Amino acid sequence: MNIFLTSSFADVADLFVTFTKGECRGKTITLIPTASLAEEVNAYLIAAKDALIEAGMAIDELEVSTASQQDIADKLERNEFIYVAGGNTFFLLQELKRTGADKLIAEQVRAGKCYIGESAGSAVLAPSIEYLQRLDDPSAAPDLDSFASLALVEFYPLPHYGNAPFKDAVDQVLIEYGDSLDFRPFSNHQAIAIVGDSVDILTSARSR
């Protein structure tokens, strides 16, 4: 697998370019902004789009909550990269499951397509997102009947480690679930890079 997980993509875009060995330039990325619909603030999404364009990528946006199943399947298959933005993880999972996009994404990633997640887009790859109730409001997803998630990674990504405004909530999650779940906490200036079975936490030079 080829997976790049972030808390704040714009802060680690330099690591992403290195991760792809510069091969992202000239490629098209399917950008799924769905999680941001449940949030009032989306400056991170605008910053991420700017960073992707700066990295030489073309953006093909896919709003799964309103797209047809054919459109979802076509874009995920056609474009070289998949990007799932941040926002409310519970709303994101609800819409991915409702439309079947969860299975299509998993299929593409298992086949080797590069997946980039930002915050919610990173956490949704865990086996379950139950641990995120202190960071996101589950009531944003009234039709979500299970916290079982995409399970493309065996561990539990924990974004925004040490960063405001999530610091206290993240610390609380570690206290509550730390003994039972295999967490990978990472800050806004870090990324989890997965290539095959290798999992590394990278830190951007910009934060030093």
C-alpha atoms as a PDB file:
ATOM      1  CA  MET A   1       0.000   0.000   0.000  1.00  0.00           C
ATOM      2  CA  ASN A   2       0.947   3.590  -0.601  1.00  0.00           C
ATOM      3  CA  ILE A   3      -0.560   5.865   2.061  1.00  0.00           C
ATOM      4  CA  PHE A   4       0.325   9.356   3.304  1.00  0.00           C
ATOM      5  CA  LEU A   5      -1.570  10.480   6.407  1.00  0.00           C
ATOM      6  CA  THR A   6      -1.514  14.061   7.678  1.00  0.00           C
ATOM      7  CA  SER A   7      -3.092  16.253  10.357  1.00  0.00           C
ATOM      8  CA  SER A   8      -2.629  19.430   8.315  1.00  0.00           C
ATOM      9  CA  PHE A   9      -1.628  18.758   4.719  1.00  0.00           C
ATOM     10  CA  ALA A  10      -0.481  22.303   3.930  1.00  0.00           C
ATOM     11  CA  ASP A  11       2.085  22.056   6.743  1.00  0.00           C
ATOM     12  CA  VAL A  12       3.681  18.877   5.356  1.00  0.00           C
ATOM     13  CA  ALA A  13       3.264  19.297   1.595  1.00  0.00           C
ATOM     14  CA  ASP A  14       7.062  19.253   1.249  1.00  0.00           C
ATOM     15  CA  LEU A  15       7.126  15.763   2.774  1.00  0.00           C
ATOM     16  CA  PHE A  16       4.424  14.630   0.350  1.00  0.00           C
ATOM     17  CA  VAL A  17       6.430  15.712  -2.693  1.00  0.00           C
ATOM     18  CA  THR A  18       9.428  13.804  -1.323  1.00  0.00           C
ATOM     19  CA  PHE A  19       7.205  10.803  -0.509  1.00  0.00           C
ATOM     20  CA  THR A  20       6.116  10.593  -4.155  1.00  0.00           C
ATOM     21  CA  LYS A  21       9.714  11.216  -5.336  1.00  0.00           C
ATOM     22  CA  GLY A  22       8.304  14.188  -7.236  1.00  0.00           C
ATOM     23  CA  GLU A  23       6.069  11.950  -9.323  1.00  0.00           C
ATOM     24  CA  CYS A  24       2.952  13.785  -8.128  1.00  0.00           C
ATOM     25  CA  ARG A  25       3.751  16.611 -10.543  1.00  0.00           C
ATOM     26  CA  GLY A  26       1.478  16.565 -13.580  1.00  0.00           C
ATOM     27  CA  LYS A  27      -0.893  13.998 -12.033  1.00  0.00           C
ATOM     28  CA  THR A  28      -4.600  14.369 -11.205  1.00  0.00           C
ATOM     29  CA  ILE A  29      -5.919  13.868  -7.694  1.00  0.00           C
ATOM     30  CA  THR A  30      -9.490  12.983  -6.711  1.00  0.00           C
ATOM     31  CA  LEU A  31     -10.158  15.376  -3.835  1.00  0.00           C
ATOM     32  CA  ILE A  32     -13.012  14.421  -1.499  1.00  0.00           C
ATOM     33  CA  PRO A  33     -13.994  17.458   0.641  1.00  0.00           C
ATOM     34  CA  THR A  34     -17.036  15.749   2.221  1.00  0.00           C
ATOM     35  CA  ALA A  35     -15.905  15.865   5.877  1.00  0.00           C
ATOM     36  CA  SER A  36     -15.626  19.661   5.686  1.00  0.00           C
ATOM     37  CA  LEU A  37     -19.372  20.043   4.996  1.00  0.00           C
ATOM     38  CA  ALA A  38     -20.091  19.383   8.679  1.00  0.00           C
ATOM     39  CA  GLU A  39     -17.662  22.087   9.858  1.00  0.00           C
ATOM     40  CA  GLU A  40     -17.998  25.875   9.945  1.00  0.00           C
ATOM     41  CA  VAL A  41     -14.307  26.499   9.298  1.00  0.00           C
ATOM     42  CA  ASN A  42     -12.618  25.162   6.169  1.00  0.00           C
ATOM     43  CA  ALA A  43      -9.469  27.280   5.824  1.00  0.00           C
ATOM     44  CA  TYR A  44      -7.433  24.044   6.032  1.00  0.00           C
ATOM     45  CA  LEU A  45      -9.174  22.765   2.898  1.00  0.00           C
ATOM     46  CA  ILE A  46      -8.348  25.911   0.933  1.00  0.00           C
ATOM     47  CA  ALA A  47      -4.732  25.699   2.140  1.00  0.00           C
ATOM     48  CA  ALA A  48      -4.542  22.031   1.130  1.00  0.00           C
ATOM     49  CA  LYS A  49      -5.851  22.757  -2.373  1.00  0.00           C
ATOM     50  CA  ASP A  50      -3.277  25.543  -2.790  1.00  0.00           C
ATOM     51  CA  ALA A  51      -0.511  23.195  -1.621  1.00  0.00           C
ATOM     52  CA  LEU A  52      -1.586  20.451  -4.034  1.00  0.00           C
ATOM     53  CA  ILE A  53      -1.614  22.897  -6.937  1.00  0.00           C
ATOM     54  CA  GLU A  54       1.815  24.155  -5.863  1.00  0.00           C
ATOM     55  CA  ALA A  55       3.021  20.541  -5.912  1.00  0.00           C
ATOM     56  CA  GLY A  56       2.026  20.442  -9.578  1.00  0.00           C
ATOM     57  CA  MET A  57      -1.200  18.488  -9.277  1.00  0.00           C
ATOM     58  CA  ALA A  58      -4.544  18.928 -10.996  1.00  0.00           C
ATOM     59  CA  ILE A  59      -7.570  18.640  -8.674  1.00  0.00           C
ATOM     60  CA  ASP A  60     -10.701  16.719  -9.655  1.00  0.00           C
ATOM     61  CA  GLU A  61     -13.176  17.357  -6.843  1.00  0.00           C
ATOM     62  CA  LEU A  62     -15.592  14.626  -5.795  1.00  0.00           C
ATOM     63  CA  GLU A  63     -18.312  15.463  -3.299  1.00  0.00           C
ATOM     64  CA  VAL A  64     -19.459  11.944  -2.445  1.00  0.00           C
ATOM     65  CA  SER A  65     -22.558  13.100  -0.547  1.00  0.00           C
ATOM     66  CA  THR A  66     -24.115  14.404  -3.781  1.00  0.00           C
ATOM     67  CA  ALA A  67     -22.282  12.537  -6.576  1.00  0.00           C
ATOM     68  CA  SER A  68     -23.785   9.624  -8.469  1.00  0.00           C
ATOM     69  CA  GLN A  69     -22.323   6.180  -7.792  1.00  0.00           C
ATOM     70  CA  GLN A  70     -21.066   6.101 -11.385  1.00  0.00           C
ATOM     71  CA  ASP A  71     -19.287   9.421 -10.958  1.00  0.00           C
ATOM     72  CA  ILE A  72     -17.697   8.213  -7.702  1.00  0.00           C
ATOM     73  CA  ALA A  73     -16.464   5.014  -9.332  1.00  0.00           C
ATOM     74  CA  ASP A  74     -15.210   6.792 -12.471  1.00  0.00           C
ATOM     75  CA  LYS A  75     -13.205   9.469 -10.668  1.00  0.00           C
ATOM     76  CA  LEU A  76     -11.656   7.127  -8.121  1.00  0.00           C
ATOM     77  CA  GLU A  77     -10.579   4.783 -10.887  1.00  0.00           C
ATOM     78  CA  ARG A  78      -9.478   7.382 -13.439  1.00  0.00           C
ATOM     79  CA  ASN A  79      -7.288   9.676 -11.348  1.00  0.00           C
ATOM     80  CA  GLU A  80      -3.831   8.748 -10.056  1.00  0.00           C
ATOM     81  CA  PHE A  81      -4.223   9.883  -6.430  1.00  0.00           C
ATOM     82  CA  ILE A  82      -7.002   9.976  -3.819  1.00  0.00           C
ATOM     83  CA  TYR A  83      -7.195  12.785  -1.260  1.00  0.00           C
ATOM     84  CA  VAL A  84      -9.714  12.763   1.598  1.00  0.00           C
ATOM     85  CA  ALA A  85      -9.935  16.085   3.426  1.00  0.00           C
ATOM     86  CA  GLY A  86     -10.475  16.880   7.093  1.00  0.00           C
ATOM     87  CA  GLY A  87     -13.614  17.838   8.948  1.00  0.00           C
ATOM     88  CA  ASN A  88     -16.083  15.679  10.854  1.00  0.00           C
ATOM     89  CA  THR A  89     -14.924  12.049  10.784  1.00  0.00           C
ATOM     90  CA  PHE A  90     -18.355  10.652  11.661  1.00  0.00           C
ATOM     91  CA  PHE A  91     -20.127  12.530   8.849  1.00  0.00           C
ATOM     92  CA  LEU A  92     -17.364  11.482   6.452  1.00  0.00           C
ATOM     93  CA  LEU A  93     -17.707   7.792   7.337  1.00  0.00           C
ATOM     94  CA  GLN A  94     -21.504   7.994   7.115  1.00  0.00           C
ATOM     95  CA  GLU A  95     -21.347   9.346   3.561  1.00  0.00           C
ATOM     96  CA  LEU A  96     -18.563   6.998   2.416  1.00  0.00           C
ATOM     97  CA  LYS A  97     -20.599   4.012   3.609  1.00  0.00           C
ATOM     98  CA  ARG A  98     -23.931   5.304   2.298  1.00  0.00           C
ATOM     99  CA  THR A  99     -22.578   5.743  -1.220  1.00  0.00           C
ATOM    100  CA  GLY A 100     -20.324   2.696  -1.276  1.00  0.00           C
ATOM    101  CA  ALA A 101     -17.303   4.975  -1.729  1.00  0.00           C
ATOM    102  CA  ASP A 102     -15.658   3.275   1.272  1.00  0.00           C
ATOM    103  CA  LYS A 103     -15.392  -0.032  -0.594  1.00  0.00           C
ATOM    104  CA  LEU A 104     -14.278   1.627  -3.839  1.00  0.00           C
ATOM    105  CA  ILE A 105     -11.543   3.598  -2.050  1.00  0.00           C
ATOM    106  CA  ALA A 106     -10.348   0.491  -0.199  1.00  0.00           C
ATOM    107  CA  GLU A 107     -10.220  -1.450  -3.465  1.00  0.00           C
ATOM    108  CA  GLN A 108      -8.127   1.234  -5.183  1.00  0.00           C
ATOM    109  CA  VAL A 109      -5.741   1.615  -2.224  1.00  0.00           C
ATOM    110  CA  ARG A 110      -5.234  -2.144  -1.904  1.00  0.00           C
ATOM    111  CA  ALA A 111      -4.405  -2.179  -5.614  1.00  0.00           C
ATOM    112  CA  GLY A 112      -1.615   0.347  -4.964  1.00  0.00           C
ATOM    113  CA  LYS A 113      -3.145   3.756  -5.647  1.00  0.00           C
ATOM    114  CA  CYS A 114      -1.706   6.483  -3.419  1.00  0.00           C
ATOM    115  CA  TYR A 115      -4.085   7.688  -0.696  1.00  0.00           C
ATOM    116  CA  ILE A 116      -3.595  11.004   1.108  1.00  0.00           C
ATOM    117  CA  GLY A 117      -5.620  11.730   4.230  1.00  0.00           C
ATOM    118  CA  GLU A 118      -5.916  14.926   6.226  1.00  0.00           C
ATOM    119  CA  SER A 119      -7.187  14.672   9.834  1.00  0.00           C
ATOM    120  CA  ALA A 120     -10.605  12.989   9.415  1.00  0.00           C
ATOM    121  CA  GLY A 121      -9.372  11.609   6.107  1.00  0.00           C
ATOM    122  CA  SER A 122      -6.498   9.969   7.994  1.00  0.00           C
ATOM    123  CA  ALA A 123      -8.538   8.659  10.925  1.00  0.00           C
ATOM    124  CA  VAL A 124     -11.147   7.032   8.694  1.00  0.00           C
ATOM    125  CA  LEU A 125      -8.574   4.404   7.675  1.00  0.00           C
ATOM    126  CA  ALA A 126      -8.535   2.975  11.224  1.00  0.00           C
ATOM    127  CA  PRO A 127     -10.502  -0.185  12.108  1.00  0.00           C
ATOM    128  CA  SER A 128     -12.976   1.995  14.044  1.00  0.00           C
ATOM    129  CA  ILE A 129     -13.480   5.720  14.695  1.00  0.00           C
ATOM    130  CA  GLU A 130     -15.179   5.349  18.077  1.00  0.00           C
ATOM    131  CA  TYR A 131     -12.114   6.893  19.799  1.00  0.00           C
ATOM    132  CA  LEU A 132     -12.674  10.234  18.049  1.00  0.00           C
ATOM    133  CA  GLN A 133     -15.812  11.256  19.935  1.00  0.00           C
ATOM    134  CA  ARG A 134     -13.858  13.811  21.971  1.00  0.00           C
ATOM    135  CA  LEU A 135     -12.518  15.456  18.792  1.00  0.00           C
ATOM    136  CA  ASP A 136     -15.605  15.331  16.554  1.00  0.00           C
ATOM    137  CA  ASP A 137     -19.332  15.422  17.189  1.00  0.00           C
ATOM    138  CA  PRO A 138     -20.971  12.066  16.308  1.00  0.00           C
ATOM    139  CA  SER A 139     -24.409  13.733  16.108  1.00  0.00           C
ATOM    140  CA  ALA A 140     -23.317  15.164  12.726  1.00  0.00           C
ATOM    141  CA  ALA A 141     -23.866  11.626  11.399  1.00  0.00           C
ATOM    142  CA  PRO A 142     -27.346  10.547  12.555  1.00  0.00           C
ATOM    143  CA  ASP A 143     -27.511   7.710   9.999  1.00  0.00           C
ATOM    144  CA  LEU A 144     -24.178   6.132  10.947  1.00  0.00           C
ATOM    145  CA  ASP A 145     -25.076   2.774  12.505  1.00  0.00           C
ATOM    146  CA  SER A 146     -21.554   1.565  13.288  1.00  0.00           C
ATOM    147  CA  PHE A 147     -18.152   3.097  14.077  1.00  0.00           C
ATOM    148  CA  ALA A 148     -16.439   0.328  12.073  1.00  0.00           C
ATOM    149  CA  SER A 149     -14.306   2.126   9.508  1.00  0.00           C
ATOM    150  CA  LEU A 150     -12.218   1.321   6.404  1.00  0.00           C
ATOM    151  CA  ALA A 151      -9.586  -0.692   8.322  1.00  0.00           C
ATOM    152  CA  LEU A 152      -6.899  -0.062   5.713  1.00  0.00           C
ATOM    153  CA  VAL A 153      -4.404   0.299   8.572  1.00  0.00           C
ATOM    154  CA  GLU A 154      -4.273  -1.854  11.708  1.00  0.00           C
ATOM    155  CA  PHE A 155      -3.363   1.044  13.992  1.00  0.00           C
ATOM    156  CA  TYR A 156      -5.321   4.144  15.048  1.00  0.00           C
ATOM    157  CA  PRO A 157      -4.115   7.474  13.603  1.00  0.00           C
ATOM    158  CA  LEU A 158      -4.462  10.267  16.165  1.00  0.00           C
ATOM    159  CA  PRO A 159      -4.055  13.637  14.408  1.00  0.00           C
ATOM    160  CA  HIS A 160      -3.251  17.087  15.848  1.00  0.00           C
ATOM    161  CA  TYR A 161      -1.112  15.681  18.679  1.00  0.00           C
ATOM    162  CA  GLY A 162       0.128  18.646  20.732  1.00  0.00           C
ATOM    163  CA  ASN A 163      -1.692  21.201  18.554  1.00  0.00           C
ATOM    164  CA  ALA A 164      -4.391  23.696  19.538  1.00  0.00           C
ATOM    165  CA  PRO A 165      -7.358  23.541  19.662  1.00  0.00           C
ATOM    166  CA  PHE A 166      -7.243  19.735  19.909  1.00  0.00           C
ATOM    167  CA  LYS A 167      -4.420  19.228  22.415  1.00  0.00           C
ATOM    168  CA  ASP A 168      -6.548  18.511  25.488  1.00  0.00           C
ATOM    169  CA  ALA A 169      -9.003  16.297  23.593  1.00  0.00           C
ATOM    170  CA  VAL A 170      -6.157  14.250  22.070  1.00  0.00           C
ATOM    171  CA  ASP A 171      -4.525  13.852  25.497  1.00  0.00           C
ATOM    172  CA  GLN A 172      -7.852  12.660  26.890  1.00  0.00           C
ATOM    173  CA  VAL A 173      -8.228  10.085  24.099  1.00  0.00           C
ATOM    174  CA  LEU A 174      -4.771   8.733  24.923  1.00  0.00           C
ATOM    175  CA  ILE A 175      -5.733   8.420  28.600  1.00  0.00           C
ATOM    176  CA  GLU A 176      -9.068   6.729  27.867  1.00  0.00           C
ATOM    177  CA  TYR A 177      -8.031   4.349  25.092  1.00  0.00           C
ATOM    178  CA  GLY A 178      -4.243   4.207  25.353  1.00  0.00           C
ATOM    179  CA  ASP A 179      -4.171   0.781  26.987  1.00  0.00           C
ATOM    180  CA  SER A 180      -6.498  -0.853  24.481  1.00  0.00           C
ATOM    181  CA  LEU A 181      -5.724   0.734  21.095  1.00  0.00           C
ATOM    182  CA  ASP A 182      -2.496   0.934  19.078  1.00  0.00           C
ATOM    183  CA  PHE A 183      -2.287   4.700  18.559  1.00  0.00           C
ATOM    184  CA  ARG A 184       0.009   6.645  16.248  1.00  0.00           C
ATOM    185  CA  PRO A 185      -0.217  10.239  17.514  1.00  0.00           C
ATOM    186  CA  PHE A 186       1.127  12.806  15.044  1.00  0.00           C
ATOM    187  CA  SER A 187       1.232  16.599  14.988  1.00  0.00           C
ATOM    188  CA  ASN A 188       0.297  19.111  12.291  1.00  0.00           C
ATOM    189  CA  HIS A 189       3.932  19.098  11.182  1.00  0.00           C
ATOM    190  CA  GLN A 190       4.188  15.332  10.895  1.00  0.00           C
ATOM    191  CA  ALA A 191       2.939  12.701   8.470  1.00  0.00           C
ATOM    192  CA  ILE A 192       2.564   8.936   8.639  1.00  0.00           C
ATOM    193  CA  ALA A 193       4.092   7.418   5.513  1.00  0.00           C
ATOM    194  CA  ILE A 194       3.118   3.842   4.661  1.00  0.00           C
ATOM    195  CA  VAL A 195       4.797   1.934   1.863  1.00  0.00           C
ATOM    196  CA  GLY A 196       3.935  -1.741   1.809  1.00  0.00           C
ATOM    197  CA  ASP A 197       4.338  -2.972   5.377  1.00  0.00           C
ATOM    198  CA  SER A 198       6.645  -0.122   6.383  1.00  0.00           C
ATOM    199  CA  VAL A 199       5.159   2.621   8.609  1.00  0.00           C
ATOM    200  CA  ASP A 200       7.207   5.764   9.344  1.00  0.00           C
ATOM    201  CA  ILE A 201       6.393   9.048  11.063  1.00  0.00           C
ATOM    202  CA  LEU A 202       8.041  11.931   9.211  1.00  0.00           C
ATOM    203  CA  THR A 203       8.549  15.495  10.470  1.00  0.00           C
ATOM    204  CA  SER A 204       8.555  18.504   8.154  1.00  0.00           C
ATOM    205  CA  ALA A 205      11.687  20.633   8.036  1.00  0.00           C
ATOM    206  CA  ARG A 206       9.372  23.659   8.187  1.00  0.00           C
ATOM    207  CA  SER A 207       8.606  22.950  11.858  1.00  0.00           C
ATOM    208  CA  ARG A 208      12.230  22.988  12.968  1.00  0.00           C
END
